[in-house]
Every structure is written in structure tokens, then in C-alpha cells.
N, C-alpha and C. Protein backbone atom coordinates (compact mmCIF):
# COMPACT_ATOMS: atom_id res chain seq x y z
N MET A 1 -11.15 6.76 -46.88
CA MET A 1 -11.26 8.19 -46.60
C MET A 1 -10.57 8.54 -45.29
N GLY A 2 -10.71 7.70 -44.25
CA GLY A 2 -10.08 7.99 -42.98
C GLY A 2 -8.60 7.72 -43.04
N GLY A 3 -7.77 8.59 -42.40
CA GLY A 3 -6.33 8.41 -42.43
C GLY A 3 -5.87 7.46 -41.35
N GLN A 4 -4.74 6.78 -41.61
CA GLN A 4 -4.20 5.85 -40.64
C GLN A 4 -2.72 5.69 -40.89
N ALA A 5 -1.93 5.66 -39.80
CA ALA A 5 -0.49 5.56 -39.96
C ALA A 5 -0.09 4.20 -40.47
N VAL A 6 0.98 4.17 -41.26
CA VAL A 6 1.52 2.92 -41.75
C VAL A 6 2.66 2.50 -40.84
N GLY A 7 2.63 1.26 -40.39
CA GLY A 7 3.73 0.75 -39.60
C GLY A 7 3.65 1.02 -38.12
N ILE A 8 2.64 1.73 -37.65
CA ILE A 8 2.53 1.99 -36.22
C ILE A 8 1.83 0.83 -35.53
N LYS A 9 2.32 0.47 -34.38
CA LYS A 9 1.67 -0.57 -33.60
C LYS A 9 0.49 0.04 -32.85
N HIS A 10 -0.69 -0.47 -33.12
CA HIS A 10 -1.88 0.06 -32.45
C HIS A 10 -1.84 -0.24 -30.96
N THR A 11 -2.27 0.71 -30.18
CA THR A 11 -2.40 0.50 -28.74
C THR A 11 -3.87 0.41 -28.39
N GLY A 12 -4.13 -0.04 -27.18
CA GLY A 12 -5.51 -0.29 -26.80
C GLY A 12 -6.33 0.96 -26.65
N THR A 13 -7.10 1.28 -27.65
CA THR A 13 -7.88 2.51 -27.66
C THR A 13 -8.84 2.48 -28.84
N THR A 14 -9.95 3.19 -28.71
CA THR A 14 -10.78 3.51 -29.88
C THR A 14 -11.10 4.99 -29.82
N THR A 15 -10.73 5.72 -30.87
CA THR A 15 -11.11 7.12 -30.98
C THR A 15 -11.65 7.35 -32.39
N LEU A 16 -12.48 8.37 -32.52
CA LEU A 16 -12.99 8.72 -33.85
C LEU A 16 -13.40 10.18 -33.90
N GLY A 17 -13.44 10.69 -35.11
CA GLY A 17 -13.94 12.03 -35.37
C GLY A 17 -14.79 12.03 -36.62
N ILE A 18 -15.85 12.83 -36.63
CA ILE A 18 -16.77 12.90 -37.77
C ILE A 18 -17.09 14.37 -38.05
N VAL A 19 -16.90 14.79 -39.29
CA VAL A 19 -17.33 16.12 -39.69
C VAL A 19 -18.80 16.05 -40.08
N CYS A 20 -19.60 16.91 -39.48
CA CYS A 20 -21.03 16.95 -39.81
C CYS A 20 -21.41 18.38 -40.16
N LYS A 21 -22.68 18.64 -40.29
CA LYS A 21 -23.12 19.97 -40.69
C LYS A 21 -22.86 20.96 -39.56
N ASP A 22 -21.95 21.90 -39.80
CA ASP A 22 -21.64 22.97 -38.85
C ASP A 22 -21.02 22.51 -37.54
N ALA A 23 -20.36 21.36 -37.52
CA ALA A 23 -19.72 20.90 -36.28
C ALA A 23 -18.83 19.70 -36.57
N VAL A 24 -18.04 19.33 -35.58
CA VAL A 24 -17.28 18.09 -35.58
C VAL A 24 -17.66 17.33 -34.33
N VAL A 25 -17.94 16.04 -34.48
CA VAL A 25 -18.22 15.16 -33.35
C VAL A 25 -17.01 14.29 -33.11
N MET A 26 -16.60 14.15 -31.84
CA MET A 26 -15.45 13.34 -31.48
C MET A 26 -15.84 12.38 -30.36
N ALA A 27 -15.27 11.18 -30.38
CA ALA A 27 -15.64 10.17 -29.39
C ALA A 27 -14.47 9.26 -29.09
N THR A 28 -14.42 8.75 -27.86
CA THR A 28 -13.40 7.78 -27.47
C THR A 28 -13.99 6.82 -26.44
N ASP A 29 -13.30 5.68 -26.25
CA ASP A 29 -13.60 4.85 -25.10
C ASP A 29 -12.76 5.35 -23.93
N SER A 30 -12.82 4.68 -22.79
CA SER A 30 -12.09 5.17 -21.61
C SER A 30 -11.15 4.14 -20.99
N ARG A 31 -10.99 2.98 -21.61
CA ARG A 31 -10.13 1.93 -21.03
C ARG A 31 -8.66 2.23 -21.31
N VAL A 32 -7.84 2.12 -20.27
CA VAL A 32 -6.39 2.31 -20.41
C VAL A 32 -5.71 0.97 -20.17
N THR A 33 -4.89 0.55 -21.13
CA THR A 33 -4.26 -0.76 -21.03
C THR A 33 -2.74 -0.65 -21.04
N MET A 34 -2.09 -1.65 -20.40
CA MET A 34 -0.64 -1.84 -20.46
C MET A 34 -0.42 -3.28 -20.91
N GLY A 35 -0.28 -3.47 -22.23
CA GLY A 35 -0.26 -4.83 -22.75
C GLY A 35 -1.62 -5.47 -22.57
N ASN A 36 -1.66 -6.61 -21.88
CA ASN A 36 -2.93 -7.29 -21.62
C ASN A 36 -3.56 -6.87 -20.29
N TYR A 37 -2.91 -5.95 -19.59
CA TYR A 37 -3.39 -5.51 -18.28
C TYR A 37 -4.23 -4.25 -18.41
N ILE A 38 -5.43 -4.25 -17.80
CA ILE A 38 -6.28 -3.06 -17.78
C ILE A 38 -5.83 -2.18 -16.63
N ALA A 39 -5.16 -1.07 -16.96
CA ALA A 39 -4.57 -0.21 -15.93
C ALA A 39 -5.57 0.75 -15.32
N HIS A 40 -6.58 1.14 -16.10
CA HIS A 40 -7.56 2.12 -15.59
C HIS A 40 -8.83 2.01 -16.41
N HIS A 41 -9.97 2.27 -15.76
CA HIS A 41 -11.26 2.18 -16.43
C HIS A 41 -11.80 3.53 -16.90
N LYS A 42 -11.20 4.62 -16.42
CA LYS A 42 -11.74 5.95 -16.71
C LYS A 42 -10.65 6.88 -17.24
N GLY A 43 -9.84 6.38 -18.15
CA GLY A 43 -8.81 7.23 -18.75
C GLY A 43 -9.42 8.28 -19.67
N LYS A 44 -8.81 9.45 -19.68
CA LYS A 44 -9.31 10.56 -20.48
C LYS A 44 -8.54 10.61 -21.80
N LYS A 45 -9.24 10.32 -22.91
CA LYS A 45 -8.62 10.31 -24.23
C LYS A 45 -9.18 11.39 -25.14
N LEU A 46 -10.13 12.16 -24.64
CA LEU A 46 -10.75 13.25 -25.37
C LEU A 46 -10.53 14.54 -24.58
N HIS A 47 -9.87 15.51 -25.20
CA HIS A 47 -9.45 16.71 -24.47
C HIS A 47 -9.84 17.97 -25.23
N MET A 48 -10.20 19.00 -24.47
CA MET A 48 -10.42 20.33 -25.04
C MET A 48 -9.07 21.05 -25.08
N VAL A 49 -8.64 21.42 -26.28
CA VAL A 49 -7.42 22.21 -26.43
C VAL A 49 -7.75 23.68 -26.26
N ASP A 50 -8.80 24.14 -26.90
CA ASP A 50 -9.32 25.49 -26.75
C ASP A 50 -10.82 25.40 -26.93
N ASN A 51 -11.51 26.52 -26.76
CA ASN A 51 -12.97 26.46 -26.82
C ASN A 51 -13.49 26.05 -28.19
N ASN A 52 -12.64 26.16 -29.22
CA ASN A 52 -13.07 25.78 -30.57
C ASN A 52 -12.35 24.55 -31.09
N LEU A 53 -11.60 23.85 -30.21
CA LEU A 53 -10.72 22.79 -30.70
C LEU A 53 -10.63 21.64 -29.71
N GLY A 54 -10.84 20.40 -30.21
CA GLY A 54 -10.70 19.20 -29.39
C GLY A 54 -9.66 18.27 -29.97
N MET A 55 -9.18 17.33 -29.16
CA MET A 55 -8.15 16.40 -29.59
C MET A 55 -8.40 15.04 -28.95
N THR A 56 -8.29 13.98 -29.75
CA THR A 56 -8.31 12.62 -29.21
C THR A 56 -6.90 12.05 -29.25
N ILE A 57 -6.62 11.12 -28.33
CA ILE A 57 -5.28 10.56 -28.26
C ILE A 57 -5.35 9.03 -28.21
N ALA A 58 -4.38 8.40 -28.87
CA ALA A 58 -4.19 6.96 -28.79
C ALA A 58 -2.68 6.74 -28.73
N GLY A 59 -2.22 6.04 -27.70
CA GLY A 59 -0.78 5.81 -27.58
C GLY A 59 -0.29 6.02 -26.16
N THR A 60 0.95 6.47 -26.04
CA THR A 60 1.57 6.67 -24.74
C THR A 60 1.02 7.92 -24.08
N VAL A 61 0.52 7.79 -22.87
CA VAL A 61 -0.19 8.88 -22.21
C VAL A 61 0.70 10.10 -21.99
N ALA A 62 1.91 9.91 -21.47
CA ALA A 62 2.79 11.04 -21.18
C ALA A 62 3.12 11.83 -22.45
N ASP A 63 3.40 11.14 -23.54
CA ASP A 63 3.69 11.82 -24.81
C ASP A 63 2.47 12.61 -25.27
N ALA A 64 1.30 12.01 -25.15
CA ALA A 64 0.08 12.68 -25.58
C ALA A 64 -0.20 13.92 -24.73
N GLN A 65 0.00 13.81 -23.41
CA GLN A 65 -0.24 14.95 -22.53
C GLN A 65 0.70 16.11 -22.87
N ASN A 66 1.94 15.78 -23.22
CA ASN A 66 2.89 16.82 -23.61
C ASN A 66 2.42 17.53 -24.87
N MET A 67 1.93 16.78 -25.85
CA MET A 67 1.43 17.39 -27.08
C MET A 67 0.23 18.28 -26.81
N ILE A 68 -0.67 17.83 -25.95
CA ILE A 68 -1.83 18.64 -25.60
C ILE A 68 -1.40 19.96 -24.98
N ASP A 69 -0.41 19.92 -24.08
CA ASP A 69 0.08 21.14 -23.44
C ASP A 69 0.69 22.10 -24.48
N VAL A 70 1.43 21.55 -25.44
CA VAL A 70 2.03 22.38 -26.50
C VAL A 70 0.94 23.08 -27.30
N LEU A 71 -0.08 22.34 -27.70
CA LEU A 71 -1.15 22.92 -28.50
C LEU A 71 -1.96 23.95 -27.71
N ARG A 72 -2.19 23.69 -26.43
CA ARG A 72 -2.90 24.67 -25.61
C ARG A 72 -2.11 25.98 -25.50
N TYR A 73 -0.80 25.86 -25.39
CA TYR A 73 0.05 27.06 -25.32
C TYR A 73 -0.10 27.88 -26.59
N TYR A 74 0.03 27.25 -27.76
CA TYR A 74 -0.06 27.98 -29.01
C TYR A 74 -1.46 28.53 -29.25
N ALA A 75 -2.48 27.79 -28.83
CA ALA A 75 -3.86 28.26 -29.01
C ALA A 75 -4.11 29.53 -28.19
N ARG A 76 -3.63 29.54 -26.95
CA ARG A 76 -3.83 30.72 -26.09
C ARG A 76 -2.99 31.89 -26.57
N LEU A 77 -1.76 31.61 -27.01
CA LEU A 77 -0.91 32.67 -27.55
C LEU A 77 -1.55 33.31 -28.78
N TYR A 78 -2.13 32.48 -29.65
CA TYR A 78 -2.78 32.99 -30.85
C TYR A 78 -3.97 33.88 -30.49
N ARG A 79 -4.75 33.47 -29.51
CA ARG A 79 -5.90 34.28 -29.07
C ARG A 79 -5.45 35.64 -28.56
N VAL A 80 -4.36 35.66 -27.79
CA VAL A 80 -3.87 36.92 -27.24
C VAL A 80 -3.37 37.84 -28.35
N GLU A 81 -2.66 37.27 -29.32
CA GLU A 81 -2.04 38.08 -30.36
C GLU A 81 -3.02 38.51 -31.45
N HIS A 82 -4.03 37.67 -31.74
CA HIS A 82 -4.92 37.94 -32.87
C HIS A 82 -6.37 38.16 -32.48
N ASP A 83 -6.69 37.93 -31.22
CA ASP A 83 -8.06 38.15 -30.72
C ASP A 83 -9.09 37.32 -31.47
N ARG A 84 -8.72 36.12 -31.84
CA ARG A 84 -9.65 35.18 -32.46
C ARG A 84 -9.14 33.76 -32.24
N PRO A 85 -9.99 32.75 -32.45
CA PRO A 85 -9.58 31.37 -32.17
C PRO A 85 -8.46 30.90 -33.10
N PHE A 86 -7.67 29.98 -32.60
CA PHE A 86 -6.61 29.34 -33.37
C PHE A 86 -7.24 28.55 -34.51
N PRO A 87 -6.86 28.80 -35.78
CA PRO A 87 -7.42 28.01 -36.89
C PRO A 87 -7.10 26.52 -36.72
N ILE A 88 -8.04 25.68 -37.08
CA ILE A 88 -7.86 24.24 -36.91
C ILE A 88 -6.68 23.74 -37.74
N SER A 89 -6.56 24.24 -38.96
CA SER A 89 -5.45 23.81 -39.82
C SER A 89 -4.10 24.20 -39.23
N SER A 90 -4.04 25.35 -38.57
CA SER A 90 -2.79 25.80 -37.95
C SER A 90 -2.43 24.91 -36.76
N ALA A 91 -3.43 24.54 -35.96
CA ALA A 91 -3.18 23.64 -34.83
C ALA A 91 -2.66 22.30 -35.32
N ALA A 92 -3.25 21.79 -36.40
CA ALA A 92 -2.81 20.52 -36.96
C ALA A 92 -1.39 20.62 -37.49
N ARG A 93 -1.05 21.74 -38.10
CA ARG A 93 0.30 21.94 -38.62
C ARG A 93 1.32 22.02 -37.49
N VAL A 94 0.97 22.69 -36.40
CA VAL A 94 1.86 22.73 -35.24
C VAL A 94 2.12 21.32 -34.72
N ALA A 95 1.05 20.53 -34.57
CA ALA A 95 1.21 19.15 -34.10
C ALA A 95 2.09 18.35 -35.05
N SER A 96 1.86 18.51 -36.35
CA SER A 96 2.65 17.80 -37.34
C SER A 96 4.13 18.17 -37.25
N ASN A 97 4.41 19.46 -37.09
CA ASN A 97 5.80 19.92 -37.00
C ASN A 97 6.49 19.39 -35.75
N VAL A 98 5.77 19.36 -34.62
CA VAL A 98 6.36 18.85 -33.39
C VAL A 98 6.64 17.35 -33.52
N PHE A 99 5.68 16.61 -34.04
CA PHE A 99 5.90 15.18 -34.24
C PHE A 99 7.08 14.92 -35.19
N PHE A 100 7.13 15.68 -36.28
CA PHE A 100 8.21 15.48 -37.24
C PHE A 100 9.57 15.82 -36.62
N GLY A 101 9.61 16.88 -35.81
CA GLY A 101 10.84 17.25 -35.15
C GLY A 101 11.35 16.21 -34.17
N GLN A 102 10.43 15.37 -33.67
CA GLN A 102 10.78 14.32 -32.71
C GLN A 102 10.90 12.95 -33.38
N ARG A 103 10.99 12.92 -34.70
CA ARG A 103 10.85 11.64 -35.41
C ARG A 103 11.94 10.63 -35.05
N TYR A 104 13.11 11.09 -34.59
CA TYR A 104 14.17 10.13 -34.23
C TYR A 104 13.95 9.57 -32.82
N TYR A 105 13.22 10.32 -31.99
CA TYR A 105 12.80 9.87 -30.66
C TYR A 105 11.31 10.17 -30.55
N PRO A 106 10.50 9.43 -31.29
CA PRO A 106 9.11 9.87 -31.53
C PRO A 106 8.21 9.81 -30.30
N TYR A 107 7.27 10.77 -30.28
CA TYR A 107 6.15 10.67 -29.36
C TYR A 107 5.24 9.56 -29.89
N MET A 108 4.96 8.57 -29.07
CA MET A 108 4.17 7.42 -29.53
C MET A 108 2.69 7.74 -29.41
N VAL A 109 2.21 8.53 -30.34
CA VAL A 109 0.84 9.03 -30.27
C VAL A 109 0.23 9.08 -31.67
N GLN A 110 -1.03 8.67 -31.77
CA GLN A 110 -1.88 8.98 -32.91
C GLN A 110 -2.93 9.97 -32.42
N SER A 111 -3.20 10.99 -33.17
CA SER A 111 -4.14 12.00 -32.69
C SER A 111 -5.10 12.45 -33.79
N LEU A 112 -6.27 12.85 -33.35
CA LEU A 112 -7.24 13.52 -34.21
C LEU A 112 -7.47 14.91 -33.64
N LEU A 113 -7.41 15.92 -34.48
CA LEU A 113 -7.69 17.30 -34.10
C LEU A 113 -8.93 17.76 -34.84
N GLY A 114 -9.94 18.17 -34.10
CA GLY A 114 -11.18 18.59 -34.73
C GLY A 114 -11.72 19.84 -34.07
N GLY A 115 -12.35 20.68 -34.87
CA GLY A 115 -12.92 21.88 -34.29
C GLY A 115 -13.63 22.73 -35.31
N TYR A 116 -13.87 23.98 -34.92
CA TYR A 116 -14.66 24.90 -35.73
C TYR A 116 -13.98 26.26 -35.71
N ASP A 117 -13.78 26.84 -36.91
CA ASP A 117 -13.19 28.18 -37.00
C ASP A 117 -13.88 28.97 -38.10
N GLN A 118 -13.23 30.03 -38.57
CA GLN A 118 -13.87 30.89 -39.58
C GLN A 118 -14.14 30.17 -40.89
N ASP A 119 -13.47 29.04 -41.11
CA ASP A 119 -13.70 28.25 -42.33
C ASP A 119 -14.70 27.11 -42.11
N GLY A 120 -15.30 27.04 -40.93
CA GLY A 120 -16.26 25.99 -40.63
C GLY A 120 -15.62 24.82 -39.91
N PRO A 121 -16.26 23.65 -39.91
CA PRO A 121 -15.72 22.50 -39.20
C PRO A 121 -14.53 21.90 -39.93
N GLY A 122 -13.58 21.36 -39.16
CA GLY A 122 -12.41 20.72 -39.75
C GLY A 122 -11.91 19.59 -38.88
N LEU A 123 -11.43 18.53 -39.51
CA LEU A 123 -10.91 17.36 -38.80
C LEU A 123 -9.60 16.94 -39.46
N TYR A 124 -8.56 16.74 -38.63
CA TYR A 124 -7.25 16.35 -39.14
C TYR A 124 -6.71 15.15 -38.37
N TYR A 125 -6.08 14.27 -39.12
CA TYR A 125 -5.37 13.13 -38.55
C TYR A 125 -3.88 13.45 -38.56
N VAL A 126 -3.20 13.22 -37.41
CA VAL A 126 -1.76 13.45 -37.31
C VAL A 126 -1.14 12.24 -36.60
N ASP A 127 -0.08 11.67 -37.19
CA ASP A 127 0.55 10.52 -36.55
C ASP A 127 1.92 10.89 -35.97
N LEU A 128 2.60 9.90 -35.39
CA LEU A 128 3.84 10.16 -34.66
C LEU A 128 4.98 10.62 -35.53
N PHE A 129 4.90 10.45 -36.86
CA PHE A 129 5.95 10.91 -37.76
C PHE A 129 5.63 12.28 -38.36
N GLY A 130 4.48 12.83 -38.02
CA GLY A 130 4.09 14.12 -38.55
C GLY A 130 3.20 14.06 -39.76
N THR A 131 2.78 12.85 -40.17
CA THR A 131 1.83 12.72 -41.28
C THR A 131 0.56 13.49 -40.96
N LEU A 132 0.11 14.31 -41.90
CA LEU A 132 -1.04 15.18 -41.67
C LEU A 132 -2.01 15.07 -42.84
N THR A 133 -3.25 14.69 -42.54
CA THR A 133 -4.28 14.62 -43.57
C THR A 133 -5.59 15.21 -43.04
N ARG A 134 -6.29 15.90 -43.93
CA ARG A 134 -7.62 16.39 -43.57
C ARG A 134 -8.64 15.33 -43.95
N GLU A 135 -9.60 15.09 -43.05
CA GLU A 135 -10.53 13.98 -43.22
C GLU A 135 -11.98 14.42 -43.03
N LYS A 136 -12.89 13.66 -43.62
CA LYS A 136 -14.31 13.80 -43.30
C LYS A 136 -14.65 12.97 -42.06
N PHE A 137 -13.99 11.85 -41.92
CA PHE A 137 -14.07 11.04 -40.70
C PHE A 137 -12.78 10.28 -40.56
N SER A 138 -12.45 9.90 -39.34
CA SER A 138 -11.21 9.15 -39.11
C SER A 138 -11.32 8.43 -37.77
N SER A 139 -10.47 7.42 -37.59
CA SER A 139 -10.44 6.65 -36.35
C SER A 139 -9.02 6.18 -36.08
N THR A 140 -8.66 6.07 -34.81
CA THR A 140 -7.34 5.56 -34.43
C THR A 140 -7.49 4.52 -33.34
N GLY A 141 -6.40 3.78 -33.12
CA GLY A 141 -6.37 2.80 -32.05
C GLY A 141 -6.75 1.40 -32.49
N SER A 142 -6.69 0.48 -31.55
CA SER A 142 -6.89 -0.93 -31.86
C SER A 142 -8.32 -1.24 -32.29
N GLY A 143 -9.27 -0.39 -31.90
CA GLY A 143 -10.66 -0.61 -32.30
C GLY A 143 -11.02 0.03 -33.63
N SER A 144 -10.07 0.70 -34.27
CA SER A 144 -10.38 1.46 -35.49
C SER A 144 -10.86 0.59 -36.66
N PRO A 145 -10.38 -0.66 -36.84
CA PRO A 145 -10.93 -1.45 -37.95
C PRO A 145 -12.44 -1.66 -37.85
N VAL A 146 -12.94 -1.86 -36.64
CA VAL A 146 -14.38 -2.01 -36.44
C VAL A 146 -15.09 -0.69 -36.76
N VAL A 147 -14.52 0.41 -36.26
CA VAL A 147 -15.13 1.72 -36.47
C VAL A 147 -15.19 2.06 -37.95
N TYR A 148 -14.11 1.80 -38.68
CA TYR A 148 -14.11 2.13 -40.10
C TYR A 148 -15.19 1.36 -40.86
N GLY A 149 -15.45 0.11 -40.47
CA GLY A 149 -16.51 -0.64 -41.12
C GLY A 149 -17.85 0.03 -40.97
N ILE A 150 -18.08 0.64 -39.81
CA ILE A 150 -19.35 1.33 -39.55
C ILE A 150 -19.40 2.68 -40.25
N LEU A 151 -18.31 3.45 -40.13
CA LEU A 151 -18.30 4.79 -40.72
C LEU A 151 -18.35 4.75 -42.24
N GLU A 152 -17.59 3.83 -42.83
CA GLU A 152 -17.57 3.75 -44.30
C GLU A 152 -18.95 3.45 -44.87
N SER A 153 -19.73 2.65 -44.16
CA SER A 153 -21.04 2.24 -44.67
C SER A 153 -22.15 3.24 -44.37
N ALA A 154 -21.93 4.12 -43.38
CA ALA A 154 -23.04 4.97 -42.94
C ALA A 154 -22.81 6.47 -43.13
N TYR A 155 -21.56 6.89 -43.35
CA TYR A 155 -21.29 8.33 -43.42
C TYR A 155 -21.80 8.93 -44.72
N VAL A 156 -22.42 10.10 -44.59
CA VAL A 156 -22.79 10.92 -45.74
C VAL A 156 -22.43 12.37 -45.42
N ASN A 157 -22.25 13.16 -46.47
CA ASN A 157 -21.94 14.57 -46.26
C ASN A 157 -23.12 15.29 -45.59
N ASP A 158 -22.78 16.32 -44.82
CA ASP A 158 -23.78 17.18 -44.18
C ASP A 158 -24.70 16.42 -43.23
N LEU A 159 -24.12 15.45 -42.51
CA LEU A 159 -24.88 14.80 -41.44
C LEU A 159 -25.34 15.83 -40.42
N ALA A 160 -26.55 15.67 -39.90
CA ALA A 160 -26.99 16.47 -38.77
C ALA A 160 -26.18 16.07 -37.54
N VAL A 161 -26.01 17.00 -36.61
CA VAL A 161 -25.21 16.73 -35.40
C VAL A 161 -25.76 15.53 -34.65
N ASP A 162 -27.06 15.44 -34.49
CA ASP A 162 -27.66 14.32 -33.75
C ASP A 162 -27.35 12.99 -34.43
N ASP A 163 -27.40 12.97 -35.77
CA ASP A 163 -27.10 11.74 -36.50
C ASP A 163 -25.62 11.38 -36.37
N ALA A 164 -24.75 12.39 -36.39
CA ALA A 164 -23.32 12.14 -36.22
C ALA A 164 -23.01 11.63 -34.82
N LEU A 165 -23.71 12.14 -33.82
CA LEU A 165 -23.52 11.64 -32.46
C LEU A 165 -23.93 10.18 -32.34
N ARG A 166 -25.05 9.83 -32.95
CA ARG A 166 -25.48 8.43 -32.91
C ARG A 166 -24.49 7.52 -33.64
N LEU A 167 -23.97 8.00 -34.78
CA LEU A 167 -23.00 7.22 -35.54
C LEU A 167 -21.70 7.05 -34.74
N ALA A 168 -21.26 8.11 -34.07
CA ALA A 168 -20.05 8.03 -33.25
C ALA A 168 -20.23 7.08 -32.08
N ALA A 169 -21.37 7.19 -31.41
CA ALA A 169 -21.64 6.30 -30.28
C ALA A 169 -21.72 4.85 -30.74
N LYS A 170 -22.32 4.62 -31.89
CA LYS A 170 -22.40 3.26 -32.44
C LYS A 170 -21.01 2.72 -32.76
N GLY A 171 -20.16 3.56 -33.36
CA GLY A 171 -18.82 3.12 -33.71
C GLY A 171 -18.02 2.68 -32.50
N VAL A 172 -18.01 3.52 -31.46
CA VAL A 172 -17.23 3.18 -30.27
C VAL A 172 -17.86 2.00 -29.53
N THR A 173 -19.18 1.96 -29.44
CA THR A 173 -19.87 0.86 -28.76
C THR A 173 -19.56 -0.48 -29.41
N TYR A 174 -19.61 -0.53 -30.73
CA TYR A 174 -19.31 -1.79 -31.43
C TYR A 174 -17.84 -2.17 -31.29
N ALA A 175 -16.95 -1.18 -31.32
CA ALA A 175 -15.53 -1.47 -31.13
C ALA A 175 -15.28 -2.04 -29.74
N MET A 176 -15.98 -1.54 -28.74
CA MET A 176 -15.83 -2.04 -27.37
C MET A 176 -16.29 -3.49 -27.25
N LYS A 177 -17.23 -3.88 -28.11
CA LYS A 177 -17.71 -5.27 -28.08
C LYS A 177 -16.74 -6.23 -28.76
N ARG A 178 -15.97 -5.73 -29.73
CA ARG A 178 -15.11 -6.60 -30.53
C ARG A 178 -13.63 -6.49 -30.19
N ASP A 179 -13.22 -5.40 -29.58
CA ASP A 179 -11.82 -5.17 -29.27
C ASP A 179 -11.63 -5.19 -27.75
N SER A 180 -10.89 -6.18 -27.25
CA SER A 180 -10.74 -6.34 -25.80
C SER A 180 -9.97 -5.21 -25.15
N ALA A 181 -9.18 -4.47 -25.93
CA ALA A 181 -8.39 -3.37 -25.37
C ALA A 181 -9.17 -2.05 -25.33
N SER A 182 -10.41 -2.05 -25.82
CA SER A 182 -11.29 -0.89 -25.74
C SER A 182 -12.48 -1.25 -24.86
N GLY A 183 -12.93 -0.30 -24.06
CA GLY A 183 -14.08 -0.64 -23.24
C GLY A 183 -14.40 0.36 -22.16
N ASP A 184 -15.29 -0.08 -21.25
CA ASP A 184 -15.72 0.60 -20.03
C ASP A 184 -16.75 1.70 -20.27
N SER A 185 -16.39 2.81 -20.91
CA SER A 185 -17.38 3.87 -21.13
C SER A 185 -16.98 4.71 -22.34
N ILE A 186 -17.85 5.62 -22.71
CA ILE A 186 -17.66 6.46 -23.90
C ILE A 186 -17.63 7.92 -23.50
N ASP A 187 -16.72 8.68 -24.09
CA ASP A 187 -16.72 10.14 -24.00
C ASP A 187 -17.08 10.69 -25.37
N LEU A 188 -17.95 11.67 -25.41
CA LEU A 188 -18.43 12.28 -26.65
C LEU A 188 -18.40 13.79 -26.53
N ALA A 189 -18.01 14.46 -27.60
CA ALA A 189 -18.00 15.92 -27.62
C ALA A 189 -18.45 16.43 -28.98
N VAL A 190 -19.05 17.62 -28.96
CA VAL A 190 -19.41 18.34 -30.17
C VAL A 190 -18.64 19.66 -30.16
N VAL A 191 -17.98 19.99 -31.27
CA VAL A 191 -17.28 21.26 -31.39
C VAL A 191 -17.88 22.01 -32.57
N GLY A 192 -18.56 23.12 -32.27
CA GLY A 192 -19.26 23.87 -33.30
C GLY A 192 -19.19 25.35 -33.04
N PRO A 193 -20.11 26.13 -33.64
CA PRO A 193 -20.10 27.59 -33.47
C PRO A 193 -20.24 28.02 -32.01
N GLN A 194 -20.87 27.18 -31.18
CA GLN A 194 -21.05 27.52 -29.77
C GLN A 194 -19.89 27.07 -28.90
N GLY A 195 -18.88 26.47 -29.52
CA GLY A 195 -17.70 26.05 -28.77
C GLY A 195 -17.66 24.55 -28.54
N TYR A 196 -16.79 24.17 -27.61
CA TYR A 196 -16.56 22.76 -27.29
C TYR A 196 -17.51 22.34 -26.17
N LYS A 197 -18.23 21.24 -26.40
CA LYS A 197 -19.17 20.75 -25.38
C LYS A 197 -19.10 19.23 -25.31
N GLU A 198 -18.79 18.71 -24.12
CA GLU A 198 -18.84 17.27 -23.89
C GLU A 198 -20.22 16.89 -23.38
N LEU A 199 -20.71 15.74 -23.81
CA LEU A 199 -22.01 15.28 -23.36
C LEU A 199 -21.93 14.84 -21.91
N THR A 200 -23.00 15.09 -21.18
CA THR A 200 -23.08 14.67 -19.79
C THR A 200 -23.35 13.17 -19.72
N PHE A 201 -23.22 12.61 -18.53
CA PHE A 201 -23.48 11.19 -18.33
C PHE A 201 -24.90 10.83 -18.76
N GLN A 202 -25.87 11.65 -18.38
CA GLN A 202 -27.26 11.37 -18.73
C GLN A 202 -27.49 11.46 -20.23
N GLU A 203 -26.87 12.45 -20.88
CA GLU A 203 -27.01 12.58 -22.33
C GLU A 203 -26.42 11.37 -23.05
N LYS A 204 -25.29 10.88 -22.54
CA LYS A 204 -24.67 9.70 -23.16
C LYS A 204 -25.53 8.45 -22.94
N GLU A 205 -26.09 8.31 -21.74
CA GLU A 205 -26.94 7.15 -21.46
C GLU A 205 -28.17 7.14 -22.38
N THR A 206 -28.77 8.31 -22.57
CA THR A 206 -29.93 8.41 -23.45
C THR A 206 -29.55 8.08 -24.89
N LEU A 207 -28.40 8.59 -25.34
CA LEU A 207 -27.95 8.35 -26.69
C LEU A 207 -27.64 6.88 -26.93
N ILE A 208 -26.92 6.27 -26.01
CA ILE A 208 -26.56 4.85 -26.16
C ILE A 208 -27.80 3.97 -26.09
N GLY A 209 -28.74 4.36 -25.23
CA GLY A 209 -29.99 3.61 -25.12
C GLY A 209 -30.79 3.64 -26.41
N SER A 210 -30.67 4.73 -27.18
CA SER A 210 -31.41 4.83 -28.44
C SER A 210 -30.84 3.92 -29.52
N LEU A 211 -29.63 3.38 -29.30
CA LEU A 211 -29.01 2.49 -30.28
C LEU A 211 -29.54 1.07 -30.17
N ARG A 212 -30.13 0.73 -29.03
CA ARG A 212 -30.56 -0.65 -28.79
C ARG A 212 -31.88 -0.93 -29.50
């Protein structure tokens, strides 16, 4: 069910997205690697594009940051012109078109775009060649094989937000235990009718503690 690029070399990262009842939950680890070298312990791989839209990144940081800036520009332009949030499917299509346009000199990025609009929650996988698929759940990065094992066995339609948060935290936590290129800490966000909200440090500690 989860989308994944064919032929892309995974980089050190674990990201995931889960569609649940009236929201999308997104999660990432925070370790940044350069080959076998741990370059940073608190890298930001989960970003708010707009109040109704989040994005996870796996791959080259500069390329990913450029894509985030492009999407933020179009999201704000859409709000000004239409006085409503950028549709999730439109944001995913913009990302796909930009990636496809760069296919000969590709942005080395795998991304998940998730959010909430007039059609409800939506999650899309987009790879560096512009491949675009809508998903119920998806994962990218070197820890994704571990995550998929957990999500495939536990995901059901219309998960409650709290259950989706626990499943997301479990997926990233287990990937951090098995994948040396993923680690350090977890970032979690919920995107729903009330907008984009990242969990605080205390909320994450309580959630992770409930998994033990």
C-alpha cells in the first residue's frame, strides 16, 4: 500500500505518514548522516508548508529545502488568490511537476506530503522523478523497511488520532533500533481541521513512554 521509489538509493532517514480519522499523522527521526558519519543529531525532517499541510524529507538537505520553499510560495499565493487553503492534491502535483522538470539533474529527495483540506485528510508520496501516488500510509528512507513491517500489520481504516500517533511513534522508534542511520529523537505532527500541530517534547516523552 505504501509507495516507494524504484532504483533510488536510500539515505539515512526514517519518515512516515498515516491517514487517520479526520487527520494525517507524520513522523520522522532527527539523525543527519553523511555516509557513515553522523553529521547532526537534531536535523529537521518534518516541516510545515502551510497551516493545513506538512512535508517530510529524506535525501539531500539543500534540495529538500528548495522544494519546501517552492511549495510554501505556491501555498501562500493560492491563499491570497482564492482565500482558502492550498488543496493537498494540488501541492503534491506541484511537487511532482518540479521533480519531473528536474529529472535530468534531479533533486535527490523522497518526500511525503500530508494535510487536511475541503476533501478531508490526504497523504501523497512523491519521489525525485516526479512519481506521485496517494497513500493511506507510507514511509521513506533507510528505516522504511522496518516501518512498513509495523504499518502493514497494524494499520486499519479510520484510526483514531491517538492510535495513529502511537503507531507512528512505534514505527520510528523501532526503525531507530534497527537502522544505524536513523536515530537520536522523534518529531511528530498532526494535521487536521485545527491546522498543523507538532507535539511538544513532553507530549512525545509521554507517548514514547506508553509504548514500553
